Amino acid sequence: MRNKAKFQRTLADDLTRVLGLLGDGVITPRIAAEIPLTEAASALALAESRTVAGKVVIVP
């Protein structure tokens, strides 16, 4: 059980650092495509195709 708690603390610390870097503009995510929620199936297909460099983002 102790390992799980340590993992969760480490994960929380890592996410805090990454989100801080994002917020400060030190790193920026690479977004390959923004696809409407109504086309979620095609967004998933694109992401799974591994033909894009970056994230496929589904937007409302």
C-alpha atoms as a PDB file:
ATOM      1  CA  MET A   1       0.000   0.000   0.000  1.00  0.00           C
ATOM      2  CA  ARG A   2       2.910   2.339   0.738  1.00  0.00           C
ATOM      3  CA  ASN A   3       4.156   2.046  -2.855  1.00  0.00           C
ATOM      4  CA  LYS A   4       0.771   3.160  -4.155  1.00  0.00           C
ATOM      5  CA  ALA A   5       0.830   6.260  -1.945  1.00  0.00           C
ATOM      6  CA  LYS A   6       4.384   7.067  -3.056  1.00  0.00           C
ATOM      7  CA  PHE A   7       3.385   6.646  -6.691  1.00  0.00           C
ATOM      8  CA  GLN A   8       0.407   8.964  -6.243  1.00  0.00           C
ATOM      9  CA  ARG A   9       2.570  11.640  -4.582  1.00  0.00           C
ATOM     10  CA  THR A  10       5.180  11.381  -7.337  1.00  0.00           C
ATOM     11  CA  LEU A  11       2.510  11.577 -10.013  1.00  0.00           C
ATOM     12  CA  ALA A  12       0.919  14.631  -8.378  1.00  0.00           C
ATOM     13  CA  ASP A  13       4.320  16.332  -8.115  1.00  0.00           C
ATOM     14  CA  ASP A  14       5.155  15.568 -11.749  1.00  0.00           C
ATOM     15  CA  LEU A  15       1.790  16.826 -13.009  1.00  0.00           C
ATOM     16  CA  THR A  16       2.148  19.993 -10.945  1.00  0.00           C
ATOM     17  CA  ARG A  17       5.537  20.658 -12.544  1.00  0.00           C
ATOM     18  CA  VAL A  18       4.334  19.957 -16.077  1.00  0.00           C
ATOM     19  CA  LEU A  19       1.223  22.111 -15.672  1.00  0.00           C
ATOM     20  CA  GLY A  20       3.404  24.887 -14.257  1.00  0.00           C
ATOM     21  CA  LEU A  21       5.684  24.704 -17.299  1.00  0.00           C
ATOM     22  CA  LEU A  22       2.650  24.806 -19.579  1.00  0.00           C
ATOM     23  CA  GLY A  23       1.206  27.776 -17.702  1.00  0.00           C
ATOM     24  CA  ASP A  24       4.516  29.652 -17.879  1.00  0.00           C
ATOM     25  CA  GLY A  25       4.807  29.020 -21.613  1.00  0.00           C
ATOM     26  CA  VAL A  26       8.062  27.103 -21.214  1.00  0.00           C
ATOM     27  CA  ILE A  27       6.581  24.149 -23.064  1.00  0.00           C
ATOM     28  CA  THR A  28       3.711  24.092 -25.524  1.00  0.00           C
ATOM     29  CA  PRO A  29       1.679  21.082 -26.607  1.00  0.00           C
ATOM     30  CA  ARG A  30       1.787  20.091 -30.248  1.00  0.00           C
ATOM     31  CA  ILE A  31      -1.785  19.909 -31.523  1.00  0.00           C
ATOM     32  CA  ALA A  32      -2.154  18.123 -34.835  1.00  0.00           C
ATOM     33  CA  ALA A  33      -5.904  18.553 -35.229  1.00  0.00           C
ATOM     34  CA  GLU A  34      -8.972  19.947 -33.503  1.00  0.00           C
ATOM     35  CA  ILE A  35     -12.045  17.950 -34.414  1.00  0.00           C
ATOM     36  CA  PRO A  36     -15.659  18.597 -33.338  1.00  0.00           C
ATOM     37  CA  LEU A  37     -17.264  16.219 -30.859  1.00  0.00           C
ATOM     38  CA  THR A  38     -19.811  15.281 -33.519  1.00  0.00           C
ATOM     39  CA  GLU A  39     -16.910  13.712 -35.450  1.00  0.00           C
ATOM     40  CA  ALA A  40     -15.377  11.877 -32.498  1.00  0.00           C
ATOM     41  CA  ALA A  41     -15.154   8.599 -34.388  1.00  0.00           C
ATOM     42  CA  SER A  42     -13.001  10.153 -37.093  1.00  0.00           C
ATOM     43  CA  ALA A  43     -10.878  11.867 -34.426  1.00  0.00           C
ATOM     44  CA  LEU A  44     -10.227   8.507 -32.782  1.00  0.00           C
ATOM     45  CA  ALA A  45      -9.395   6.940 -36.137  1.00  0.00           C
ATOM     46  CA  LEU A  46      -6.940   9.743 -36.866  1.00  0.00           C
ATOM     47  CA  ALA A  47      -5.275   9.412 -33.465  1.00  0.00           C
ATOM     48  CA  GLU A  48      -4.979   5.639 -33.832  1.00  0.00           C
ATOM     49  CA  SER A  49      -3.577   5.921 -37.362  1.00  0.00           C
ATOM     50  CA  ARG A  50      -0.304   7.323 -36.020  1.00  0.00           C
ATOM     51  CA  THR A  51      -0.040   9.512 -39.114  1.00  0.00           C
ATOM     52  CA  VAL A  52      -0.102  12.819 -37.244  1.00  0.00           C
ATOM     53  CA  ALA A  53       2.582  14.484 -35.156  1.00  0.00           C
ATOM     54  CA  GLY A  54       0.890  15.820 -32.046  1.00  0.00           C
ATOM     55  CA  LYS A  55      -2.382  15.454 -30.215  1.00  0.00           C
ATOM     56  CA  VAL A  56      -5.815  15.102 -31.722  1.00  0.00           C
ATOM     57  CA  VAL A  57      -8.125  17.317 -29.666  1.00  0.00           C
ATOM     58  CA  ILE A  58     -11.897  16.848 -29.589  1.00  0.00           C
ATOM     59  CA  VAL A  59     -13.711  20.169 -29.139  1.00  0.00           C
ATOM     60  CA  PRO A  60     -17.355  20.818 -28.233  1.00  0.00           C
END
